[in-house]
Amino acid sequence: MFGKLGPMELILILVIALVVFGPSKLPDIGKAFGKAIRQFKTHASKISEDIDVSEELDLDEKSDK
């Protein structure tokens, strides 16, 4: 019930954002939000790669002993 956003909830959020910020600010807010999500995904993938490399190095060190 609380875990999913349906179409009605998304429409309600969009209407509230439209009232609060106005139609001229919504495109700028959308661009900033999209950029933030893109940066988050990039950094999350880099962290994931670093963890994988670290685990591989740990396995190599353990096998050498």
C-alpha atoms as a PDB file:
ATOM      1  CA  MET A   1       0.000   0.000   0.000  1.00  0.00           C
ATOM      2  CA  PHE A   2       2.699   2.501   0.946  1.00  0.00           C
ATOM      3  CA  GLY A   3       5.500   1.064  -1.204  1.00  0.00           C
ATOM      4  CA  LYS A   4       4.177   1.953  -4.654  1.00  0.00           C
ATOM      5  CA  LEU A   5       3.254   5.181  -6.350  1.00  0.00           C
ATOM      6  CA  GLY A   6       0.374   4.828  -8.742  1.00  0.00           C
ATOM      7  CA  PRO A   7      -0.706   7.211 -11.492  1.00  0.00           C
ATOM      8  CA  MET A   8      -3.081   9.112  -9.215  1.00  0.00           C
ATOM      9  CA  GLU A   9      -0.367   9.756  -6.648  1.00  0.00           C
ATOM     10  CA  LEU A  10       2.023  10.995  -9.341  1.00  0.00           C
ATOM     11  CA  ILE A  11      -0.641  13.344 -10.728  1.00  0.00           C
ATOM     12  CA  LEU A  12      -1.320  14.670  -7.235  1.00  0.00           C
ATOM     13  CA  ILE A  13       2.395  15.306  -6.653  1.00  0.00           C
ATOM     14  CA  LEU A  14       2.666  17.081 -10.017  1.00  0.00           C
ATOM     15  CA  VAL A  15      -0.345  19.305  -9.258  1.00  0.00           C
ATOM     16  CA  ILE A  16       1.031  20.235  -5.836  1.00  0.00           C
ATOM     17  CA  ALA A  17       4.439  21.026  -7.358  1.00  0.00           C
ATOM     18  CA  LEU A  18       2.742  23.132 -10.029  1.00  0.00           C
ATOM     19  CA  VAL A  19       0.857  25.138  -7.397  1.00  0.00           C
ATOM     20  CA  VAL A  20       3.879  25.578  -5.131  1.00  0.00           C
ATOM     21  CA  PHE A  21       6.571  26.367  -7.711  1.00  0.00           C
ATOM     22  CA  GLY A  22       4.597  27.654 -10.686  1.00  0.00           C
ATOM     23  CA  PRO A  23       4.795  26.573 -14.316  1.00  0.00           C
ATOM     24  CA  SER A  24       7.942  28.565 -15.118  1.00  0.00           C
ATOM     25  CA  LYS A  25      10.093  26.830 -12.465  1.00  0.00           C
ATOM     26  CA  LEU A  26       9.015  23.208 -13.074  1.00  0.00           C
ATOM     27  CA  PRO A  27      11.327  22.576 -16.085  1.00  0.00           C
ATOM     28  CA  ASP A  28      14.331  23.878 -14.120  1.00  0.00           C
ATOM     29  CA  ILE A  29      13.430  21.720 -11.137  1.00  0.00           C
ATOM     30  CA  GLY A  30      13.024  18.686 -13.406  1.00  0.00           C
ATOM     31  CA  LYS A  31      16.430  19.264 -15.001  1.00  0.00           C
ATOM     32  CA  ALA A  32      18.100  19.649 -11.610  1.00  0.00           C
ATOM     33  CA  PHE A  33      16.388  16.509 -10.302  1.00  0.00           C
ATOM     34  CA  GLY A  34      17.417  14.517 -13.371  1.00  0.00           C
ATOM     35  CA  LYS A  35      21.008  15.720 -13.079  1.00  0.00           C
ATOM     36  CA  ALA A  36      21.109  14.778  -9.389  1.00  0.00           C
ATOM     37  CA  ILE A  37      19.813  11.273 -10.107  1.00  0.00           C
ATOM     38  CA  ARG A  38      22.320  10.832 -12.948  1.00  0.00           C
ATOM     39  CA  GLN A  39      25.210  11.881 -10.674  1.00  0.00           C
ATOM     40  CA  PHE A  40      23.991   9.575  -7.925  1.00  0.00           C
ATOM     41  CA  LYS A  41      23.876   6.608 -10.326  1.00  0.00           C
ATOM     42  CA  THR A  42      27.366   7.417 -11.612  1.00  0.00           C
ATOM     43  CA  HIS A  43      28.853   7.619  -8.131  1.00  0.00           C
ATOM     44  CA  ALA A  44      26.993   4.511  -6.973  1.00  0.00           C
ATOM     45  CA  SER A  45      28.372   2.503  -9.892  1.00  0.00           C
ATOM     46  CA  LYS A  46      31.901   3.763  -9.185  1.00  0.00           C
ATOM     47  CA  ILE A  47      31.590   2.730  -5.539  1.00  0.00           C
ATOM     48  CA  SER A  48      30.276  -0.670  -6.620  1.00  0.00           C
ATOM     49  CA  GLU A  49      33.251  -1.117  -8.978  1.00  0.00           C
ATOM     50  CA  ASP A  50      35.663  -0.118  -6.203  1.00  0.00           C
ATOM     51  CA  ILE A  51      34.139  -2.676  -3.851  1.00  0.00           C
ATOM     52  CA  ASP A  52      34.390  -5.399  -6.509  1.00  0.00           C
ATOM     53  CA  VAL A  53      38.047  -4.585  -7.151  1.00  0.00           C
ATOM     54  CA  SER A  54      38.755  -4.516  -3.426  1.00  0.00           C
ATOM     55  CA  GLU A  55      37.134  -7.932  -2.972  1.00  0.00           C
ATOM     56  CA  GLU A  56      39.181  -9.347  -5.860  1.00  0.00           C
ATOM     57  CA  LEU A  57      42.382  -8.001  -4.327  1.00  0.00           C
ATOM     58  CA  ASP A  58      41.476  -9.502  -0.953  1.00  0.00           C
ATOM     59  CA  LEU A  59      40.871 -12.894  -2.589  1.00  0.00           C
ATOM     60  CA  ASP A  60      44.202 -12.679  -4.439  1.00  0.00           C
ATOM     61  CA  GLU A  61      46.063 -11.866  -1.208  1.00  0.00           C
ATOM     62  CA  LYS A  62      44.388 -14.735   0.643  1.00  0.00           C
ATOM     63  CA  SER A  63      45.213 -17.215  -2.119  1.00  0.00           C
ATOM     64  CA  ASP A  64      48.882 -16.157  -2.079  1.00  0.00           C
ATOM     65  CA  LYS A  65      49.219 -17.041   1.617  1.00  0.00           C
END
